[in-house]
Amino acid sequence: GGIGIKWSLDELAAAWLRYDYSESPRLVHRLDRDCSGILVMGRTQMSAAILHSVFREETLGASKHDSDNEKRVLQKRYWALVIGSPRRPKGTISAPLRKVVVDDGKSDRITVFEHNNTILSSQRAITEYRVIKTSTHGNIIVTLVSKSDFGIAYPLMLSDLNAGFTWLELSPLTGRKHQLRVHCAEVLGTPIVGDYKYGWQAHRRLQNLAESDLRKNSNEKVAKENMLPFGLNKDSGSISEKQLRLHLHCREMILPNVSQVLRNPKSFTDDDLSKLKSLEIVAPLPSYMQKSWDILNS
């Protein structure tokens, strides 16, 4: 939901996912508006409350520096395509986040904030990452053309701009707003493709280059049947397009099967979470991210 949002998931769920229940399902695990992947809803108020405790326990456990996979009742793995490549192939980011007001109070953004080793009005945020694949795809890079001071066009390598693309797997151990996007952009120095809010400088450098042949069809009219309710197009937005979609996807989630608790919710405690069987959910890449994957691996 929010200002200017015609359709919200809460409204769609109330209209289409109620089935024979008197109450609407409730969102428990949300995504940024342009992010794709797994959402989690509670079928009833009771199931939503129990699921909320699962996600709350995730953040509390991470704040205690519990990074043991075996002890986690909840695991989330995102895939992201980023501009550039981290210095290390894998690691853990522990950088507190804070919301700051910008543009004379008209908007806000999340940023890494730590002053004199003392965290002030900020929230601890922890992310594990690993490199899946790095690409300096020549067919893409060589078609980017820049003009010299003498007006002569010549091929310009993205690597010359410290760019290139990298696929990352991101595992947030805490659930802070825009955590993955800020950690990628401000800590790793590799903003997510399509993230103009936190990676606008990197995108501007790319957009200042002459348009490549891969982007020549970006102005074509989009067929109505490809449009989603939120005004998003299910096919366009890959690295072959002029306007990039956010390449951040909640790909996998492992969480406790809380249906077992619902049989006797009054006796439920947070300690029971680790005793429950797990559910593993996997969401395939959306078509525009799959297209980017295929291009970089061709």
C-alpha atoms as a PDB file:
ATOM      1  CA  GLY A   1       0.000   0.000   0.000  1.00  0.00           C
ATOM      2  CA  GLY A   2       0.947   3.653   0.293  1.00  0.00           C
ATOM      3  CA  ILE A   3       0.466   6.968  -1.467  1.00  0.00           C
ATOM      4  CA  GLY A   4      -0.340   6.599  -5.154  1.00  0.00           C
ATOM      5  CA  ILE A   5      -0.773   2.815  -4.968  1.00  0.00           C
ATOM      6  CA  LYS A   6      -3.954   1.776  -6.738  1.00  0.00           C
ATOM      7  CA  TRP A   7      -3.611  -1.913  -5.954  1.00  0.00           C
ATOM      8  CA  SER A   8      -2.186  -3.315  -2.743  1.00  0.00           C
ATOM      9  CA  LEU A   9      -1.542  -6.915  -1.771  1.00  0.00           C
ATOM     10  CA  ASP A  10      -3.739  -6.485   1.296  1.00  0.00           C
ATOM     11  CA  GLU A  11      -6.678  -5.529  -0.937  1.00  0.00           C
ATOM     12  CA  LEU A  12      -6.011  -8.326  -3.423  1.00  0.00           C
ATOM     13  CA  ALA A  13      -5.730 -10.873  -0.619  1.00  0.00           C
ATOM     14  CA  ALA A  14      -9.015  -9.724   0.916  1.00  0.00           C
ATOM     15  CA  ALA A  15     -10.751  -9.958  -2.453  1.00  0.00           C
ATOM     16  CA  TRP A  16      -9.322 -13.199  -3.833  1.00  0.00           C
ATOM     17  CA  LEU A  17      -7.632 -15.246  -1.104  1.00  0.00           C
ATOM     18  CA  ARG A  18     -10.330 -15.339   1.579  1.00  0.00           C
ATOM     19  CA  TYR A  19     -12.011 -18.505   0.265  1.00  0.00           C
ATOM     20  CA  ASP A  20     -14.500 -19.785   2.888  1.00  0.00           C
ATOM     21  CA  TYR A  21     -12.993 -17.954   5.830  1.00  0.00           C
ATOM     22  CA  SER A  22     -14.681 -14.989   7.484  1.00  0.00           C
ATOM     23  CA  GLU A  23     -11.358 -13.121   7.828  1.00  0.00           C
ATOM     24  CA  SER A  24      -8.805 -12.082   5.227  1.00  0.00           C
ATOM     25  CA  PRO A  25      -5.252 -13.443   5.235  1.00  0.00           C
ATOM     26  CA  ARG A  26      -2.601 -11.184   6.722  1.00  0.00           C
ATOM     27  CA  LEU A  27       0.811 -10.432   5.255  1.00  0.00           C
ATOM     28  CA  VAL A  28       3.625 -11.575   7.524  1.00  0.00           C
ATOM     29  CA  HIS A  29       6.685 -11.418   5.252  1.00  0.00           C
ATOM     30  CA  ARG A  30       6.503  -8.461   2.871  1.00  0.00           C
ATOM     31  CA  LEU A  31       8.721  -7.417  -0.012  1.00  0.00           C
ATOM     32  CA  ASP A  32       9.734  -4.042  -1.371  1.00  0.00           C
ATOM     33  CA  ARG A  33       7.316  -2.941  -4.065  1.00  0.00           C
ATOM     34  CA  ASP A  34       9.684  -3.777  -6.939  1.00  0.00           C
ATOM     35  CA  CYS A  35      11.162  -6.897  -5.349  1.00  0.00           C
ATOM     36  CA  SER A  36      10.011 -10.336  -6.505  1.00  0.00           C
ATOM     37  CA  GLY A  37       9.801 -13.713  -4.832  1.00  0.00           C
ATOM     38  CA  ILE A  38       8.247 -15.255  -1.761  1.00  0.00           C
ATOM     39  CA  LEU A  39       5.582 -13.591   0.354  1.00  0.00           C
ATOM     40  CA  VAL A  40       4.220 -15.208   3.519  1.00  0.00           C
ATOM     41  CA  MET A  41       0.652 -14.753   4.731  1.00  0.00           C
ATOM     42  CA  GLY A  42      -1.141 -15.998   7.802  1.00  0.00           C
ATOM     43  CA  ARG A  43      -4.439 -17.661   6.917  1.00  0.00           C
ATOM     44  CA  THR A  44      -6.030 -16.511  10.215  1.00  0.00           C
ATOM     45  CA  GLN A  45      -5.218 -13.999  12.942  1.00  0.00           C
ATOM     46  CA  MET A  46      -3.842 -16.817  15.097  1.00  0.00           C
ATOM     47  CA  SER A  47      -1.563 -18.229  12.374  1.00  0.00           C
ATOM     48  CA  ALA A  48      -0.375 -14.710  11.513  1.00  0.00           C
ATOM     49  CA  ALA A  49       0.514 -14.087  15.153  1.00  0.00           C
ATOM     50  CA  ILE A  50       2.536 -17.310  15.346  1.00  0.00           C
ATOM     51  CA  LEU A  51       4.306 -16.556  12.063  1.00  0.00           C
ATOM     52  CA  HIS A  52       5.130 -13.062  13.298  1.00  0.00           C
ATOM     53  CA  SER A  53       6.857 -14.657  16.271  1.00  0.00           C
ATOM     54  CA  VAL A  54       8.948 -16.732  13.842  1.00  0.00           C
ATOM     55  CA  PHE A  55      10.197 -13.633  12.004  1.00  0.00           C
ATOM     56  CA  ARG A  56      10.655 -11.705  15.247  1.00  0.00           C
ATOM     57  CA  GLU A  57      12.762 -14.517  16.692  1.00  0.00           C
ATOM     58  CA  GLU A  58      14.938 -14.364  13.569  1.00  0.00           C
ATOM     59  CA  THR A  59      15.953 -10.764  14.243  1.00  0.00           C
ATOM     60  CA  LEU A  60      16.367 -11.264  18.006  1.00  0.00           C
ATOM     61  CA  GLY A  61      18.553 -14.315  17.456  1.00  0.00           C
ATOM     62  CA  ALA A  62      20.770 -12.501  14.961  1.00  0.00           C
ATOM     63  CA  SER A  63      21.192  -9.609  17.368  1.00  0.00           C
ATOM     64  CA  LYS A  64      22.733 -12.091  19.761  1.00  0.00           C
ATOM     65  CA  HIS A  65      25.267 -13.004  17.029  1.00  0.00           C
ATOM     66  CA  ASP A  66      23.716 -16.425  16.511  1.00  0.00           C
ATOM     67  CA  SER A  67      24.945 -17.237  13.003  1.00  0.00           C
ATOM     68  CA  ASP A  68      24.690 -21.023  13.287  1.00  0.00           C
ATOM     69  CA  ASN A  69      22.550 -22.311  10.424  1.00  0.00           C
ATOM     70  CA  GLU A  70      21.530 -25.335  12.441  1.00  0.00           C
ATOM     71  CA  LYS A  71      19.995 -23.158  15.157  1.00  0.00           C
ATOM     72  CA  ARG A  72      17.989 -20.915  12.865  1.00  0.00           C
ATOM     73  CA  VAL A  73      14.289 -21.703  12.678  1.00  0.00           C
ATOM     74  CA  LEU A  74      13.969 -19.345   9.708  1.00  0.00           C
ATOM     75  CA  GLN A  75      16.288 -19.041   6.715  1.00  0.00           C
ATOM     76  CA  LYS A  76      15.836 -16.633   3.803  1.00  0.00           C
ATOM     77  CA  ARG A  77      17.950 -16.526   0.677  1.00  0.00           C
ATOM     78  CA  TYR A  78      17.711 -13.799  -1.939  1.00  0.00           C
ATOM     79  CA  TRP A  79      19.334 -13.608  -5.345  1.00  0.00           C
ATOM     80  CA  ALA A  80      20.530 -10.239  -6.599  1.00  0.00           C
ATOM     81  CA  LEU A  81      22.325  -9.034  -9.702  1.00  0.00           C
ATOM     82  CA  VAL A  82      24.697  -6.224  -8.748  1.00  0.00           C
ATOM     83  CA  ILE A  83      26.933  -3.778 -10.583  1.00  0.00           C
ATOM     84  CA  GLY A  84      30.566  -4.549  -9.860  1.00  0.00           C
ATOM     85  CA  SER A  85      31.949  -7.317  -7.667  1.00  0.00           C
ATOM     86  CA  PRO A  86      32.674  -7.551  -3.910  1.00  0.00           C
ATOM     87  CA  ARG A  87      36.313  -7.737  -2.870  1.00  0.00           C
ATOM     88  CA  ARG A  88      35.693 -11.071  -1.132  1.00  0.00           C
ATOM     89  CA  PRO A  89      33.666 -13.977  -2.563  1.00  0.00           C
ATOM     90  CA  LYS A  90      31.702 -14.390   0.665  1.00  0.00           C
ATOM     91  CA  GLY A  91      31.332 -12.808   4.065  1.00  0.00           C
ATOM     92  CA  THR A  92      29.080 -11.347   6.738  1.00  0.00           C
ATOM     93  CA  ILE A  93      28.001  -7.711   6.836  1.00  0.00           C
ATOM     94  CA  SER A  94      27.185  -6.283  10.253  1.00  0.00           C
ATOM     95  CA  ALA A  95      26.326  -2.634   9.700  1.00  0.00           C
ATOM     96  CA  PRO A  96      23.597  -0.773  11.598  1.00  0.00           C
ATOM     97  CA  LEU A  97      20.956   1.076   9.606  1.00  0.00           C
ATOM     98  CA  ARG A  98      19.184   4.330  10.266  1.00  0.00           C
ATOM     99  CA  LYS A  99      16.439   6.278   8.509  1.00  0.00           C
ATOM    100  CA  VAL A 100      17.312   9.823   7.548  1.00  0.00           C
ATOM    101  CA  VAL A 101      15.020  12.509   6.166  1.00  0.00           C
ATOM    102  CA  VAL A 102      16.143  14.139   2.912  1.00  0.00           C
ATOM    103  CA  ASP A 103      14.822  16.554   0.319  1.00  0.00           C
ATOM    104  CA  ASP A 104      13.579  19.058   2.933  1.00  0.00           C
ATOM    105  CA  GLY A 105      11.436  16.419   4.563  1.00  0.00           C
ATOM    106  CA  LYS A 106       9.795  15.278   1.339  1.00  0.00           C
ATOM    107  CA  SER A 107      11.329  11.813   1.414  1.00  0.00           C
ATOM    108  CA  ASP A 108      13.516   9.532   3.469  1.00  0.00           C
ATOM    109  CA  ARG A 109      16.133   6.863   2.901  1.00  0.00           C
ATOM    110  CA  ILE A 110      17.906   4.194   4.899  1.00  0.00           C
ATOM    111  CA  THR A 111      21.651   4.484   5.389  1.00  0.00           C
ATOM    112  CA  VAL A 112      24.467   2.798   7.282  1.00  0.00           C
ATOM    113  CA  PHE A 113      25.016   4.749  10.460  1.00  0.00           C
ATOM    114  CA  GLU A 114      27.709   4.384  13.114  1.00  0.00           C
ATOM    115  CA  HIS A 115      29.417   7.224  14.938  1.00  0.00           C
ATOM    116  CA  ASN A 116      32.528   6.807  17.095  1.00  0.00           C
ATOM    117  CA  ASN A 117      31.788   3.100  17.391  1.00  0.00           C
ATOM    118  CA  THR A 118      28.522   3.926  19.173  1.00  0.00           C
ATOM    119  CA  ILE A 119      25.265   3.090  17.479  1.00  0.00           C
ATOM    120  CA  LEU A 120      22.855   6.008  17.849  1.00  0.00           C
ATOM    121  CA  SER A 121      19.132   5.563  17.076  1.00  0.00           C
ATOM    122  CA  SER A 122      19.985   2.817  14.632  1.00  0.00           C
ATOM    123  CA  GLN A 123      19.014  -0.819  14.182  1.00  0.00           C
ATOM    124  CA  ARG A 124      21.481  -3.686  13.998  1.00  0.00           C
ATOM    125  CA  ALA A 125      21.416  -5.299  10.568  1.00  0.00           C
ATOM    126  CA  ILE A 126      23.295  -8.456   9.603  1.00  0.00           C
ATOM    127  CA  THR A 127      23.558 -10.003   6.132  1.00  0.00           C
ATOM    128  CA  GLU A 128      25.518 -13.004   4.911  1.00  0.00           C
ATOM    129  CA  TYR A 129      26.513 -12.993   1.239  1.00  0.00           C
ATOM    130  CA  ARG A 130      28.298 -15.179  -1.270  1.00  0.00           C
ATOM    131  CA  VAL A 131      29.154 -14.726  -4.930  1.00  0.00           C
ATOM    132  CA  ILE A 132      27.241 -17.068  -7.242  1.00  0.00           C
ATOM    133  CA  LYS A 133      28.810 -15.923 -10.498  1.00  0.00           C
ATOM    134  CA  THR A 134      30.700 -12.921 -11.885  1.00  0.00           C
ATOM    135  CA  SER A 135      30.341 -11.901 -15.520  1.00  0.00           C
ATOM    136  CA  THR A 136      32.152  -9.505 -17.821  1.00  0.00           C
ATOM    137  CA  HIS A 137      30.122 -10.576 -20.823  1.00  0.00           C
ATOM    138  CA  GLY A 138      31.956  -9.302 -23.898  1.00  0.00           C
ATOM    139  CA  ASN A 139      28.920  -9.213 -26.168  1.00  0.00           C
ATOM    140  CA  ILE A 140      27.271  -6.725 -23.845  1.00  0.00           C
ATOM    141  CA  ILE A 141      30.309  -4.739 -22.892  1.00  0.00           C
ATOM    142  CA  VAL A 142      31.739  -4.257 -26.374  1.00  0.00           C
ATOM    143  CA  THR A 143      28.492  -2.757 -27.731  1.00  0.00           C
ATOM    144  CA  LEU A 144      28.600   0.086 -25.224  1.00  0.00           C
ATOM    145  CA  VAL A 145      30.061   3.039 -27.105  1.00  0.00           C
ATOM    146  CA  SER A 146      31.497   6.283 -25.806  1.00  0.00           C
ATOM    147  CA  LYS A 147      32.765   9.354 -27.644  1.00  0.00           C
ATOM    148  CA  SER A 148      36.220  10.732 -26.995  1.00  0.00           C
ATOM    149  CA  ASP A 149      37.040  14.412 -26.704  1.00  0.00           C
ATOM    150  CA  PHE A 150      37.777  14.347 -30.433  1.00  0.00           C
ATOM    151  CA  GLY A 151      34.312  13.100 -31.351  1.00  0.00           C
ATOM    152  CA  ILE A 152      35.527   9.603 -32.254  1.00  0.00           C
ATOM    153  CA  ALA A 153      33.341   6.690 -31.088  1.00  0.00           C
ATOM    154  CA  TYR A 154      35.102   3.697 -29.625  1.00  0.00           C
ATOM    155  CA  PRO A 155      34.103   0.585 -27.618  1.00  0.00           C
ATOM    156  CA  LEU A 156      34.222   1.132 -23.856  1.00  0.00           C
ATOM    157  CA  MET A 157      34.664  -1.793 -21.500  1.00  0.00           C
ATOM    158  CA  LEU A 158      32.421  -1.805 -18.437  1.00  0.00           C
ATOM    159  CA  SER A 159      35.411  -3.061 -16.481  1.00  0.00           C
ATOM    160  CA  ASP A 160      37.101   0.234 -17.297  1.00  0.00           C
ATOM    161  CA  LEU A 161      34.393   1.822 -15.181  1.00  0.00           C
ATOM    162  CA  ASN A 162      34.892  -0.757 -12.427  1.00  0.00           C
ATOM    163  CA  ALA A 163      31.542  -2.265 -13.405  1.00  0.00           C
ATOM    164  CA  GLY A 164      30.670  -5.707 -14.722  1.00  0.00           C
ATOM    165  CA  PHE A 165      27.919  -7.769 -13.150  1.00  0.00           C
ATOM    166  CA  THR A 166      27.836 -10.230 -10.256  1.00  0.00           C
ATOM    167  CA  TRP A 167      25.108 -12.578  -9.051  1.00  0.00           C
ATOM    168  CA  LEU A 168      24.959 -12.671  -5.250  1.00  0.00           C
ATOM    169  CA  GLU A 169      23.117 -14.876  -2.789  1.00  0.00           C
ATOM    170  CA  LEU A 170      22.075 -12.758   0.184  1.00  0.00           C
ATOM    171  CA  SER A 171      20.900 -14.202   3.506  1.00  0.00           C
ATOM    172  CA  PRO A 172      19.509 -11.530   5.846  1.00  0.00           C
ATOM    173  CA  LEU A 173      19.757 -12.533   9.506  1.00  0.00           C
ATOM    174  CA  THR A 174      17.722  -9.502  10.511  1.00  0.00           C
ATOM    175  CA  GLY A 175      14.657  -8.014   8.867  1.00  0.00           C
ATOM    176  CA  ARG A 176      15.306  -4.298   8.463  1.00  0.00           C
ATOM    177  CA  LYS A 177      13.770  -2.040   5.842  1.00  0.00           C
ATOM    178  CA  HIS A 178      15.867  -1.922   2.635  1.00  0.00           C
ATOM    179  CA  GLN A 179      18.590  -3.887   4.434  1.00  0.00           C
ATOM    180  CA  LEU A 180      19.876  -5.837   1.435  1.00  0.00           C
ATOM    181  CA  ARG A 181      19.770  -2.861  -0.904  1.00  0.00           C
ATOM    182  CA  VAL A 182      21.717  -0.603   1.478  1.00  0.00           C
ATOM    183  CA  HIS A 183      24.255  -3.270   2.453  1.00  0.00           C
ATOM    184  CA  CYS A 184      24.955  -3.996  -1.217  1.00  0.00           C
ATOM    185  CA  ALA A 185      25.266  -0.348  -2.214  1.00  0.00           C
ATOM    186  CA  GLU A 186      26.986   1.217   0.801  1.00  0.00           C
ATOM    187  CA  VAL A 187      28.990  -1.625   2.342  1.00  0.00           C
ATOM    188  CA  LEU A 188      29.931  -3.854  -0.602  1.00  0.00           C
ATOM    189  CA  GLY A 189      29.992  -0.965  -3.069  1.00  0.00           C
ATOM    190  CA  THR A 190      27.942  -3.049  -5.523  1.00  0.00           C
ATOM    191  CA  PRO A 191      24.440  -1.575  -5.930  1.00  0.00           C
ATOM    192  CA  ILE A 192      21.677  -3.871  -7.131  1.00  0.00           C
ATOM    193  CA  VAL A 193      20.745  -3.539 -10.796  1.00  0.00           C
ATOM    194  CA  GLY A 194      17.580  -1.457 -11.075  1.00  0.00           C
ATOM    195  CA  ASP A 195      17.960   0.122  -7.620  1.00  0.00           C
ATOM    196  CA  TYR A 196      17.918   3.783  -8.543  1.00  0.00           C
ATOM    197  CA  LYS A 197      17.297   4.884  -4.937  1.00  0.00           C
ATOM    198  CA  TYR A 198      20.557   3.563  -3.513  1.00  0.00           C
ATOM    199  CA  GLY A 199      22.591   3.025  -6.674  1.00  0.00           C
ATOM    200  CA  TRP A 200      21.734   6.066  -8.766  1.00  0.00           C
ATOM    201  CA  GLN A 201      25.364   7.079  -9.319  1.00  0.00           C
ATOM    202  CA  ALA A 202      26.337   3.698 -10.778  1.00  0.00           C
ATOM    203  CA  HIS A 203      23.244   3.675 -12.979  1.00  0.00           C
ATOM    204  CA  ARG A 204      23.908   7.216 -14.156  1.00  0.00           C
ATOM    205  CA  ARG A 205      27.392   6.218 -15.266  1.00  0.00           C
ATOM    206  CA  LEU A 206      25.908   3.408 -17.322  1.00  0.00           C
ATOM    207  CA  GLN A 207      23.108   5.549 -18.743  1.00  0.00           C
ATOM    208  CA  ASN A 208      25.525   8.281 -19.772  1.00  0.00           C
ATOM    209  CA  LEU A 209      27.035   5.824 -22.221  1.00  0.00           C
ATOM    210  CA  ALA A 210      25.566   5.649 -25.706  1.00  0.00           C
ATOM    211  CA  GLU A 211      22.602   3.262 -25.980  1.00  0.00           C
ATOM    212  CA  SER A 212      23.626  -0.269 -26.916  1.00  0.00           C
ATOM    213  CA  ASP A 213      21.965  -2.456 -29.513  1.00  0.00           C
ATOM    214  CA  LEU A 214      20.527  -4.497 -26.663  1.00  0.00           C
ATOM    215  CA  ARG A 215      18.421  -1.535 -25.611  1.00  0.00           C
ATOM    216  CA  LYS A 216      17.136  -0.395 -28.991  1.00  0.00           C
ATOM    217  CA  ASN A 217      13.667  -1.904 -28.493  1.00  0.00           C
ATOM    218  CA  SER A 218      13.039  -0.365 -25.077  1.00  0.00           C
ATOM    219  CA  ASN A 219      10.667   2.292 -26.426  1.00  0.00           C
ATOM    220  CA  GLU A 220       8.316  -0.169 -28.077  1.00  0.00           C
ATOM    221  CA  LYS A 221       4.778  -0.240 -26.744  1.00  0.00           C
ATOM    222  CA  VAL A 222       4.142  -2.986 -24.221  1.00  0.00           C
ATOM    223  CA  ALA A 223       1.375  -5.454 -24.952  1.00  0.00           C
ATOM    224  CA  LYS A 224      -1.478  -5.133 -22.443  1.00  0.00           C
ATOM    225  CA  GLU A 225      -1.521  -8.846 -21.747  1.00  0.00           C
ATOM    226  CA  ASN A 226       2.002  -8.583 -20.315  1.00  0.00           C
ATOM    227  CA  MET A 227       1.051  -5.952 -17.744  1.00  0.00           C
ATOM    228  CA  LEU A 228       0.604  -6.884 -14.091  1.00  0.00           C
ATOM    229  CA  PRO A 229      -1.925  -5.210 -11.726  1.00  0.00           C
ATOM    230  CA  PHE A 230       0.778  -2.993 -10.227  1.00  0.00           C
ATOM    231  CA  GLY A 231       1.719  -1.495 -13.581  1.00  0.00           C
ATOM    232  CA  LEU A 232       4.757  -3.748 -13.848  1.00  0.00           C
ATOM    233  CA  ASN A 233       5.614  -5.673 -16.963  1.00  0.00           C
ATOM    234  CA  LYS A 234       6.410  -9.330 -16.507  1.00  0.00           C
ATOM    235  CA  ASP A 235       8.862  -9.486 -19.428  1.00  0.00           C
ATOM    236  CA  SER A 236      10.670  -6.147 -19.727  1.00  0.00           C
ATOM    237  CA  GLY A 237      13.195  -4.683 -17.323  1.00  0.00           C
ATOM    238  CA  SER A 238      16.209  -6.938 -17.890  1.00  0.00           C
ATOM    239  CA  ILE A 239      19.743  -5.705 -18.602  1.00  0.00           C
ATOM    240  CA  SER A 240      18.747  -5.638 -22.269  1.00  0.00           C
ATOM    241  CA  GLU A 241      16.309  -2.804 -21.599  1.00  0.00           C
ATOM    242  CA  LYS A 242      16.768   0.921 -21.135  1.00  0.00           C
ATOM    243  CA  GLN A 243      14.689   1.007 -17.942  1.00  0.00           C
ATOM    244  CA  LEU A 244      15.976  -1.669 -15.558  1.00  0.00           C
ATOM    245  CA  ARG A 245      13.775  -3.464 -13.046  1.00  0.00           C
ATOM    246  CA  LEU A 246      15.052  -4.167  -9.540  1.00  0.00           C
ATOM    247  CA  HIS A 247      17.032  -7.416  -9.713  1.00  0.00           C
ATOM    248  CA  LEU A 248      16.327  -8.570  -6.159  1.00  0.00           C
ATOM    249  CA  HIS A 249      14.433 -11.829  -5.683  1.00  0.00           C
ATOM    250  CA  CYS A 250      13.447 -13.728  -2.550  1.00  0.00           C
ATOM    251  CA  ARG A 251      14.287 -17.140  -3.957  1.00  0.00           C
ATOM    252  CA  GLU A 252      14.200 -19.563  -1.031  1.00  0.00           C
ATOM    253  CA  MET A 253      12.750 -19.732   2.450  1.00  0.00           C
ATOM    254  CA  ILE A 254      12.889 -22.416   5.118  1.00  0.00           C
ATOM    255  CA  LEU A 255      10.466 -21.907   7.996  1.00  0.00           C
ATOM    256  CA  PRO A 256       8.724 -24.002  10.667  1.00  0.00           C
ATOM    257  CA  ASN A 257       5.495 -25.751   9.750  1.00  0.00           C
ATOM    258  CA  VAL A 258       3.309 -23.779  12.174  1.00  0.00           C
ATOM    259  CA  SER A 259       0.199 -25.741  11.213  1.00  0.00           C
ATOM    260  CA  GLN A 260       1.277 -28.228  13.869  1.00  0.00           C
ATOM    261  CA  VAL A 261       1.109 -25.480  16.511  1.00  0.00           C
ATOM    262  CA  LEU A 262      -2.359 -24.368  15.437  1.00  0.00           C
ATOM    263  CA  ARG A 263      -3.828 -27.603  16.730  1.00  0.00           C
ATOM    264  CA  ASN A 264      -3.079 -26.419  20.272  1.00  0.00           C
ATOM    265  CA  PRO A 265      -2.022 -22.756  20.127  1.00  0.00           C
ATOM    266  CA  LYS A 266      -2.535 -22.043  23.831  1.00  0.00           C
ATOM    267  CA  SER A 267       0.390 -24.268  24.772  1.00  0.00           C
ATOM    268  CA  PHE A 268       2.705 -22.712  22.173  1.00  0.00           C
ATOM    269  CA  THR A 269       5.967 -21.047  23.222  1.00  0.00           C
ATOM    270  CA  ASP A 270       8.804 -19.607  21.133  1.00  0.00           C
ATOM    271  CA  ASP A 271      10.991 -22.474  22.323  1.00  0.00           C
ATOM    272  CA  ASP A 272       8.735 -24.885  20.428  1.00  0.00           C
ATOM    273  CA  LEU A 273       9.729 -23.399  17.064  1.00  0.00           C
ATOM    274  CA  SER A 274      12.940 -25.390  16.802  1.00  0.00           C
ATOM    275  CA  LYS A 275      11.027 -28.630  17.385  1.00  0.00           C
ATOM    276  CA  LEU A 276       8.731 -28.198  14.394  1.00  0.00           C
ATOM    277  CA  LYS A 277       9.285 -29.780  11.006  1.00  0.00           C
ATOM    278  CA  SER A 278      10.456 -27.374   8.330  1.00  0.00           C
ATOM    279  CA  LEU A 279       8.837 -26.207   5.120  1.00  0.00           C
ATOM    280  CA  GLU A 280      11.103 -25.313   2.199  1.00  0.00           C
ATOM    281  CA  ILE A 281       9.739 -22.895  -0.396  1.00  0.00           C
ATOM    282  CA  VAL A 282      11.506 -22.004  -3.650  1.00  0.00           C
ATOM    283  CA  ALA A 283      10.387 -19.339  -6.136  1.00  0.00           C
ATOM    284  CA  PRO A 284      11.761 -19.318  -9.705  1.00  0.00           C
ATOM    285  CA  LEU A 285      13.277 -16.135 -11.067  1.00  0.00           C
ATOM    286  CA  PRO A 286      10.834 -13.697 -12.698  1.00  0.00           C
ATOM    287  CA  SER A 287      11.080 -13.552 -16.477  1.00  0.00           C
ATOM    288  CA  TYR A 288      13.096 -10.309 -16.636  1.00  0.00           C
ATOM    289  CA  MET A 289      15.707 -11.642 -14.184  1.00  0.00           C
ATOM    290  CA  GLN A 290      15.818 -14.973 -15.987  1.00  0.00           C
ATOM    291  CA  LYS A 291      16.465 -13.043 -19.195  1.00  0.00           C
ATOM    292  CA  SER A 292      19.387 -11.227 -17.550  1.00  0.00           C
ATOM    293  CA  TRP A 293      20.722 -14.558 -16.306  1.00  0.00           C
ATOM    294  CA  ASP A 294      20.518 -16.087 -19.788  1.00  0.00           C
ATOM    295  CA  ILE A 295      22.222 -13.075 -21.413  1.00  0.00           C
ATOM    296  CA  LEU A 296      25.122 -13.088 -18.963  1.00  0.00           C
ATOM    297  CA  ASN A 297      25.572 -16.845 -19.306  1.00  0.00           C
ATOM    298  CA  SER A 298      25.270 -17.082 -23.084  1.00  0.00           C
END
